[in-house]
Amino acid sequence: SCHPLMARTVVDGTVVLASRRALADTLVGDAT
């Protein structure tokens, strides 16, 4: 959380999710 390379990732606009499952969940839409 405090590593400079992770900070650079955030600055570059890269979204880092908690897990692969979380990444897969970004493809699950709202039921409505």
PDB file of all heavy atoms in Angstrom:
ATOM      1  N   SER A   1       0.809  -1.220   0.000  1.00  0.00           N
ATOM      2  CA  SER A   1       0.000   0.000   0.000  1.00  0.00           C
ATOM      3  C   SER A   1       0.843   1.271   0.000  1.00  0.00           C
ATOM      4  O   SER A   1       0.388   2.318  -0.468  1.00  0.00           O
ATOM      5  CB  SER A   1      -0.940   0.009   1.206  1.00  0.00           C
ATOM      6  OG  SER A   1      -0.203   0.078   2.417  1.00  0.00           O
ATOM      7  N   CYS A   2       2.063   1.174   0.503  1.00  0.00           N
ATOM      8  CA  CYS A   2       2.909   2.367   0.556  1.00  0.00           C
ATOM      9  C   CYS A   2       4.143   2.244  -0.338  1.00  0.00           C
ATOM     10  O   CYS A   2       5.077   3.036  -0.230  1.00  0.00           O
ATOM     11  CB  CYS A   2       3.331   2.656   1.995  1.00  0.00           C
ATOM     12  SG  CYS A   2       4.231   1.297   2.783  1.00  0.00           S
ATOM     13  N   HIS A   3       4.163   1.255  -1.213  1.00  0.00           N
ATOM     14  CA  HIS A   3       5.326   1.076  -2.077  1.00  0.00           C
ATOM     15  C   HIS A   3       5.262   2.064  -3.243  1.00  0.00           C
ATOM     16  O   HIS A   3       4.205   2.252  -3.855  1.00  0.00           O
ATOM     17  CB  HIS A   3       5.375  -0.359  -2.612  1.00  0.00           C
ATOM     18  CG  HIS A   3       6.695  -0.713  -3.214  1.00  0.00           C
ATOM     19  ND1 HIS A   3       7.101  -0.248  -4.447  1.00  0.00           N
ATOM     20  CD2 HIS A   3       7.718  -1.479  -2.742  1.00  0.00           C
ATOM     21  CE1 HIS A   3       8.302  -0.717  -4.720  1.00  0.00           C
ATOM     22  NE2 HIS A   3       8.701  -1.464  -3.697  1.00  0.00           N
ATOM     23  N   PRO A   4       6.386   2.711  -3.586  1.00  0.00           N
ATOM     24  CA  PRO A   4       6.388   3.706  -4.675  1.00  0.00           C
ATOM     25  C   PRO A   4       5.905   3.160  -6.018  1.00  0.00           C
ATOM     26  O   PRO A   4       5.252   3.878  -6.773  1.00  0.00           O
ATOM     27  CB  PRO A   4       7.868   4.126  -4.758  1.00  0.00           C
ATOM     28  CG  PRO A   4       8.425   3.824  -3.403  1.00  0.00           C
ATOM     29  CD  PRO A   4       7.694   2.622  -2.907  1.00  0.00           C
ATOM     30  N   LEU A   5       6.195   1.887  -6.332  1.00  0.00           N
ATOM     31  CA  LEU A   5       5.760   1.330  -7.607  1.00  0.00           C
ATOM     32  C   LEU A   5       4.253   1.136  -7.651  1.00  0.00           C
ATOM     33  O   LEU A   5       3.629   1.271  -8.706  1.00  0.00           O
ATOM     34  CB  LEU A   5       6.480   0.008  -7.882  1.00  0.00           C
ATOM     35  CG  LEU A   5       7.970   0.131  -8.191  1.00  0.00           C
ATOM     36  CD1 LEU A   5       8.608  -1.239  -8.350  1.00  0.00           C
ATOM     37  CD2 LEU A   5       8.198   0.973  -9.442  1.00  0.00           C
ATOM     38  N   MET A   6       3.647   0.819  -6.510  1.00  0.00           N
ATOM     39  CA  MET A   6       2.189   0.746  -6.462  1.00  0.00           C
ATOM     40  C   MET A   6       1.593   2.144  -6.600  1.00  0.00           C
ATOM     41  O   MET A   6       0.560   2.332  -7.268  1.00  0.00           O
ATOM     42  CB  MET A   6       1.726   0.107  -5.155  1.00  0.00           C
ATOM     43  CG  MET A   6       1.824  -1.401  -5.129  1.00  0.00           C
ATOM     44  SD  MET A   6       0.747  -2.209  -6.365  1.00  0.00           S
ATOM     45  CE  MET A   6      -0.876  -1.782  -5.737  1.00  0.00           C
ATOM     46  N   ALA A   7       2.237   3.116  -6.002  1.00  0.00           N
ATOM     47  CA  ALA A   7       1.768   4.500  -6.126  1.00  0.00           C
ATOM     48  C   ALA A   7       1.822   4.945  -7.581  1.00  0.00           C
ATOM     49  O   ALA A   7       0.905   5.619  -8.079  1.00  0.00           O
ATOM     50  CB  ALA A   7       2.601   5.416  -5.252  1.00  0.00           C
ATOM     51  N   ARG A   8       2.879   4.546  -8.278  1.00  0.00           N
ATOM     52  CA  ARG A   8       2.988   4.909  -9.684  1.00  0.00           C
ATOM     53  C   ARG A   8       1.890   4.254 -10.511  1.00  0.00           C
ATOM     54  O   ARG A   8       1.363   4.849 -11.460  1.00  0.00           O
ATOM     55  CB  ARG A   8       4.361   4.503 -10.233  1.00  0.00           C
ATOM     56  CG  ARG A   8       4.632   5.097 -11.612  1.00  0.00           C
ATOM     57  CD  ARG A   8       6.027   4.798 -12.082  1.00  0.00           C
ATOM     58  NE  ARG A   8       6.152   3.428 -12.566  1.00  0.00           N
ATOM     59  CZ  ARG A   8       7.280   2.927 -13.075  1.00  0.00           C
ATOM     60  NH1 ARG A   8       8.365   3.671 -13.115  1.00  0.00           N
ATOM     61  NH2 ARG A   8       7.326   1.694 -13.507  1.00  0.00           N
ATOM     62  N   THR A   9       1.519   3.033 -10.144  1.00  0.00           N
ATOM     63  CA  THR A   9       0.430   2.349 -10.829  1.00  0.00           C
ATOM     64  C   THR A   9      -0.857   3.147 -10.721  1.00  0.00           C
ATOM     65  O   THR A   9      -1.611   3.297 -11.696  1.00  0.00           O
ATOM     66  CB  THR A   9       0.231   0.949 -10.223  1.00  0.00           C
ATOM     67  OG1 THR A   9       1.408   0.167 -10.451  1.00  0.00           O
ATOM     68  CG2 THR A   9      -0.957   0.236 -10.850  1.00  0.00           C
ATOM     69  N   VAL A  10      -1.119   3.656  -9.527  1.00  0.00           N
ATOM     70  CA  VAL A  10      -2.323   4.464  -9.313  1.00  0.00           C
ATOM     71  C   VAL A  10      -2.267   5.740 -10.132  1.00  0.00           C
ATOM     72  O   VAL A  10      -3.247   6.142 -10.781  1.00  0.00           O
ATOM     73  CB  VAL A  10      -2.500   4.788  -7.817  1.00  0.00           C
ATOM     74  CG1 VAL A  10      -3.672   5.737  -7.613  1.00  0.00           C
ATOM     75  CG2 VAL A  10      -2.702   3.510  -7.015  1.00  0.00           C
ATOM     76  N   VAL A  11      -1.118   6.394 -10.125  1.00  0.00           N
ATOM     77  CA  VAL A  11      -0.953   7.640 -10.880  1.00  0.00           C
ATOM     78  C   VAL A  11      -1.152   7.397 -12.373  1.00  0.00           C
ATOM     79  O   VAL A  11      -1.737   8.227 -13.089  1.00  0.00           O
ATOM     80  CB  VAL A  11       0.439   8.239 -10.614  1.00  0.00           C
ATOM     81  CG1 VAL A  11       0.713   9.410 -11.567  1.00  0.00           C
ATOM     82  CG2 VAL A  11       0.543   8.713  -9.170  1.00  0.00           C
ATOM     83  N   ASP A  12      -0.685   6.253 -12.855  1.00  0.00           N
ATOM     84  CA  ASP A  12      -0.827   5.915 -14.274  1.00  0.00           C
ATOM     85  C   ASP A  12      -2.266   5.562 -14.645  1.00  0.00           C
ATOM     86  O   ASP A  12      -2.578   5.354 -15.826  1.00  0.00           O
ATOM     87  CB  ASP A  12       0.083   4.737 -14.636  1.00  0.00           C
ATOM     88  CG  ASP A  12       1.559   5.122 -14.618  1.00  0.00           C
ATOM     89  OD1 ASP A  12       1.847   6.334 -14.652  1.00  0.00           O
ATOM     90  OD2 ASP A  12       2.403   4.210 -14.567  1.00  0.00           O
ATOM     91  N   GLY A  13      -3.141   5.446 -13.658  1.00  0.00           N
ATOM     92  CA  GLY A  13      -4.545   5.162 -13.922  1.00  0.00           C
ATOM     93  C   GLY A  13      -4.896   3.688 -13.981  1.00  0.00           C
ATOM     94  O   GLY A  13      -6.014   3.321 -14.362  1.00  0.00           O
ATOM     95  N   THR A  14      -3.952   2.819 -13.601  1.00  0.00           N
ATOM     96  CA  THR A  14      -4.227   1.385 -13.603  1.00  0.00           C
ATOM     97  C   THR A  14      -5.044   1.012 -12.367  1.00  0.00           C
ATOM     98  O   THR A  14      -4.663   1.326 -11.244  1.00  0.00           O
ATOM     99  CB  THR A  14      -2.909   0.577 -13.603  1.00  0.00           C
ATOM    100  OG1 THR A  14      -2.152   0.938 -14.758  1.00  0.00           O
ATOM    101  CG2 THR A  14      -3.192  -0.920 -13.628  1.00  0.00           C
ATOM    102  N   VAL A  15      -6.159   0.334 -12.595  1.00  0.00           N
ATOM    103  CA  VAL A  15      -6.996  -0.127 -11.489  1.00  0.00           C
ATOM    104  C   VAL A  15      -6.527  -1.513 -11.061  1.00  0.00           C
ATOM    105  O   VAL A  15      -6.426  -2.424 -11.888  1.00  0.00           O
ATOM    106  CB  VAL A  15      -8.482  -0.179 -11.903  1.00  0.00           C
ATOM    107  CG1 VAL A  15      -9.335  -0.737 -10.769  1.00  0.00           C
ATOM    108  CG2 VAL A  15      -8.962   1.201 -12.308  1.00  0.00           C
ATOM    109  N   VAL A  16      -6.204  -1.667  -9.795  1.00  0.00           N
ATOM    110  CA  VAL A  16      -5.763  -2.965  -9.255  1.00  0.00           C
ATOM    111  C   VAL A  16      -6.834  -3.454  -8.280  1.00  0.00           C
ATOM    112  O   VAL A  16      -7.101  -2.818  -7.262  1.00  0.00           O
ATOM    113  CB  VAL A  16      -4.403  -2.839  -8.534  1.00  0.00           C
ATOM    114  CG1 VAL A  16      -4.003  -4.184  -7.942  1.00  0.00           C
ATOM    115  CG2 VAL A  16      -3.336  -2.346  -9.509  1.00  0.00           C
ATOM    116  N   LEU A  17      -7.436  -4.582  -8.609  1.00  0.00           N
ATOM    117  CA  LEU A  17      -8.517  -5.123  -7.800  1.00  0.00           C
ATOM    118  C   LEU A  17      -7.985  -6.120  -6.777  1.00  0.00           C
ATOM    119  O   LEU A  17      -6.830  -6.558  -6.835  1.00  0.00           O
ATOM    120  CB  LEU A  17      -9.553  -5.787  -8.705  1.00  0.00           C
ATOM    121  CG  LEU A  17     -10.200  -4.829  -9.722  1.00  0.00           C
ATOM    122  CD1 LEU A  17     -11.072  -5.599 -10.698  1.00  0.00           C
ATOM    123  CD2 LEU A  17     -11.000  -3.754  -9.019  1.00  0.00           C
ATOM    124  N   ALA A  18      -8.845  -6.500  -5.845  1.00  0.00           N
ATOM    125  CA  ALA A  18      -8.413  -7.323  -4.716  1.00  0.00           C
ATOM    126  C   ALA A  18      -8.074  -8.750  -5.118  1.00  0.00           C
ATOM    127  O   ALA A  18      -7.268  -9.408  -4.453  1.00  0.00           O
ATOM    128  CB  ALA A  18      -9.492  -7.332  -3.638  1.00  0.00           C
ATOM    129  N   SER A  19      -8.679  -9.255  -6.194  1.00  0.00           N
ATOM    130  CA  SER A  19      -8.471 -10.655  -6.580  1.00  0.00           C
ATOM    131  C   SER A  19      -8.925 -10.859  -8.015  1.00  0.00           C
ATOM    132  O   SER A  19      -9.562  -9.975  -8.618  1.00  0.00           O
ATOM    133  CB  SER A  19      -9.277 -11.582  -5.657  1.00  0.00           C
ATOM    134  OG  SER A  19     -10.677 -11.363  -5.853  1.00  0.00           O
ATOM    135  N   ARG A  20      -8.618 -12.038  -8.559  1.00  0.00           N
ATOM    136  CA  ARG A  20      -9.104 -12.363  -9.902  1.00  0.00           C
ATOM    137  C   ARG A  20     -10.618 -12.452  -9.897  1.00  0.00           C
ATOM    138  O   ARG A  20     -11.279 -12.102 -10.879  1.00  0.00           O
ATOM    139  CB  ARG A  20      -8.498 -13.678 -10.387  1.00  0.00           C
ATOM    140  CG  ARG A  20      -8.836 -13.974 -11.859  1.00  0.00           C
ATOM    141  CD  ARG A  20      -8.281 -15.309 -12.310  1.00  0.00           C
ATOM    142  NE  ARG A  20      -8.472 -15.526 -13.733  1.00  0.00           N
ATOM    143  CZ  ARG A  20      -9.591 -15.973 -14.284  1.00  0.00           C
ATOM    144  NH1 ARG A  20     -10.659 -16.228 -13.529  1.00  0.00           N
ATOM    145  NH2 ARG A  20      -9.677 -16.152 -15.603  1.00  0.00           N
ATOM    146  N   ARG A  21     -11.183 -12.941  -8.820  1.00  0.00           N
ATOM    147  CA  ARG A  21     -12.640 -13.011  -8.722  1.00  0.00           C
ATOM    148  C   ARG A  21     -13.248 -11.619  -8.832  1.00  0.00           C
ATOM    149  O   ARG A  21     -14.281 -11.420  -9.491  1.00  0.00           O
ATOM    150  CB  ARG A  21     -13.025 -13.646  -7.386  1.00  0.00           C
ATOM    151  CG  ARG A  21     -14.518 -13.775  -7.121  1.00  0.00           C
ATOM    152  CD  ARG A  21     -15.149 -14.811  -8.011  1.00  0.00           C
ATOM    153  NE  ARG A  21     -15.812 -14.230  -9.163  1.00  0.00           N
ATOM    154  CZ  ARG A  21     -16.276 -14.925 -10.189  1.00  0.00           C
ATOM    155  NH1 ARG A  21     -16.117 -16.231 -10.240  1.00  0.00           N
ATOM    156  NH2 ARG A  21     -16.882 -14.329 -11.193  1.00  0.00           N
ATOM    157  N   ALA A  22     -12.608 -10.648  -8.204  1.00  0.00           N
ATOM    158  CA  ALA A  22     -13.093  -9.271  -8.284  1.00  0.00           C
ATOM    159  C   ALA A  22     -13.021  -8.752  -9.712  1.00  0.00           C
ATOM    160  O   ALA A  22     -13.895  -8.005 -10.157  1.00  0.00           O
ATOM    161  CB  ALA A  22     -12.294  -8.380  -7.346  1.00  0.00           C
ATOM    162  N   LEU A  23     -11.959  -9.148 -10.444  1.00  0.00           N
ATOM    163  CA  LEU A  23     -11.849  -8.749 -11.845  1.00  0.00           C
ATOM    164  C   LEU A  23     -12.976  -9.368 -12.663  1.00  0.00           C
ATOM    165  O   LEU A  23     -13.623  -8.691 -13.472  1.00  0.00           O
ATOM    166  CB  LEU A  23     -10.492  -9.176 -12.403  1.00  0.00           C
ATOM    167  CG  LEU A  23     -10.241  -8.869 -13.881  1.00  0.00           C
ATOM    168  CD1 LEU A  23     -10.291  -7.365 -14.137  1.00  0.00           C
ATOM    169  CD2 LEU A  23      -8.901  -9.440 -14.334  1.00  0.00           C
ATOM    170  N   ALA A  24     -13.232 -10.658 -12.457  1.00  0.00           N
ATOM    171  CA  ALA A  24     -14.326 -11.320 -13.166  1.00  0.00           C
ATOM    172  C   ALA A  24     -15.669 -10.675 -12.840  1.00  0.00           C
ATOM    173  O   ALA A  24     -16.550 -10.562 -13.703  1.00  0.00           O
ATOM    174  CB  ALA A  24     -14.350 -12.805 -12.819  1.00  0.00           C
ATOM    175  N   ASP A  25     -15.820 -10.224 -11.608  1.00  0.00           N
ATOM    176  CA  ASP A  25     -17.084  -9.617 -11.189  1.00  0.00           C
ATOM    177  C   ASP A  25     -17.348  -8.285 -11.894  1.00  0.00           C
ATOM    178  O   ASP A  25     -18.496  -7.828 -11.931  1.00  0.00           O
ATOM    179  CB  ASP A  25     -17.096  -9.406  -9.672  1.00  0.00           C
ATOM    180  CG  ASP A  25     -17.295 -10.706  -8.902  1.00  0.00           C
ATOM    181  OD1 ASP A  25     -17.699 -11.710  -9.530  1.00  0.00           O
ATOM    182  OD2 ASP A  25     -17.032 -10.719  -7.688  1.00  0.00           O
ATOM    183  N   THR A  26     -16.291  -7.659 -12.448  1.00  0.00           N
ATOM    184  CA  THR A  26     -16.520  -6.410 -13.178  1.00  0.00           C
ATOM    185  C   THR A  26     -17.296  -6.653 -14.465  1.00  0.00           C
ATOM    186  O   THR A  26     -17.784  -5.704 -15.088  1.00  0.00           O
ATOM    187  CB  THR A  26     -15.192  -5.707 -13.527  1.00  0.00           C
ATOM    188  OG1 THR A  26     -14.431  -6.516 -14.449  1.00  0.00           O
ATOM    189  CG2 THR A  26     -14.370  -5.442 -12.273  1.00  0.00           C
ATOM    190  N   LEU A  27     -17.413  -7.915 -14.880  1.00  0.00           N
ATOM    191  CA  LEU A  27     -18.174  -8.259 -16.086  1.00  0.00           C
ATOM    192  C   LEU A  27     -19.605  -8.668 -15.765  1.00  0.00           C
ATOM    193  O   LEU A  27     -20.366  -9.017 -16.672  1.00  0.00           O
ATOM    194  CB  LEU A  27     -17.469  -9.391 -16.848  1.00  0.00           C
ATOM    195  CG  LEU A  27     -16.011  -9.132 -17.228  1.00  0.00           C
ATOM    196  CD1 LEU A  27     -15.475 -10.280 -18.071  1.00  0.00           C
ATOM    197  CD2 LEU A  27     -15.881  -7.811 -17.968  1.00  0.00           C
ATOM    198  N   VAL A  28     -19.956  -8.646 -14.508  1.00  0.00           N
ATOM    199  CA  VAL A  28     -21.322  -9.001 -14.081  1.00  0.00           C
ATOM    200  C   VAL A  28     -22.113  -7.714 -13.935  1.00  0.00           C
ATOM    201  O   VAL A  28     -21.786  -6.856 -13.114  1.00  0.00           O
ATOM    202  CB  VAL A  28     -21.308  -9.767 -12.750  1.00  0.00           C
ATOM    203  CG1 VAL A  28     -22.736 -10.087 -12.316  1.00  0.00           C
ATOM    204  CG2 VAL A  28     -20.478 -11.042 -12.879  1.00  0.00           C
ATOM    205  N   GLY A  29     -23.143  -7.571 -14.750  1.00  0.00           N
ATOM    206  CA  GLY A  29     -23.911  -6.339 -14.745  1.00  0.00           C
ATOM    207  C   GLY A  29     -25.054  -6.327 -13.758  1.00  0.00           C
ATOM    208  O   GLY A  29     -25.355  -7.331 -13.097  1.00  0.00           O
ATOM    209  N   ASP A  30     -25.693  -5.196 -13.683  1.00  0.00           N
ATOM    210  CA  ASP A  30     -26.861  -5.029 -12.836  1.00  0.00           C
ATOM    211  C   ASP A  30     -28.037  -5.814 -13.419  1.00  0.00           C
ATOM    212  O   ASP A  30     -28.295  -5.759 -14.629  1.00  0.00           O
ATOM    213  CB  ASP A  30     -27.208  -3.537 -12.757  1.00  0.00           C
ATOM    214  CG  ASP A  30     -28.473  -3.280 -11.969  1.00  0.00           C
ATOM    215  OD1 ASP A  30     -28.420  -3.399 -10.739  1.00  0.00           O
ATOM    216  OD2 ASP A  30     -29.501  -2.975 -12.596  1.00  0.00           O
ATOM    217  N   ALA A  31     -28.733  -6.542 -12.586  1.00  0.00           N
ATOM    218  CA  ALA A  31     -29.832  -7.398 -13.041  1.00  0.00           C
ATOM    219  C   ALA A  31     -30.918  -6.588 -13.735  1.00  0.00           C
ATOM    220  O   ALA A  31     -31.541  -7.054 -14.708  1.00  0.00           O
ATOM    221  CB  ALA A  31     -30.407  -8.166 -11.856  1.00  0.00           C
ATOM    222  N   THR A  32     -31.157  -5.385 -13.270  1.00  0.00           N
ATOM    223  CA  THR A  32     -32.181  -4.540 -13.886  1.00  0.00           C
ATOM    224  C   THR A  32     -31.798  -4.159 -15.312  1.00  0.00           C
ATOM    225  O   THR A  32     -32.641  -4.183 -16.226  1.00  0.00           O
ATOM    226  CB  THR A  32     -32.393  -3.264 -13.048  1.00  0.00           C
ATOM    227  OG1 THR A  32     -32.790  -3.633 -11.722  1.00  0.00           O
ATOM    228  CG2 THR A  32     -33.464  -2.382 -13.672  1.00  0.00           C
TER     229      THR A  32
END
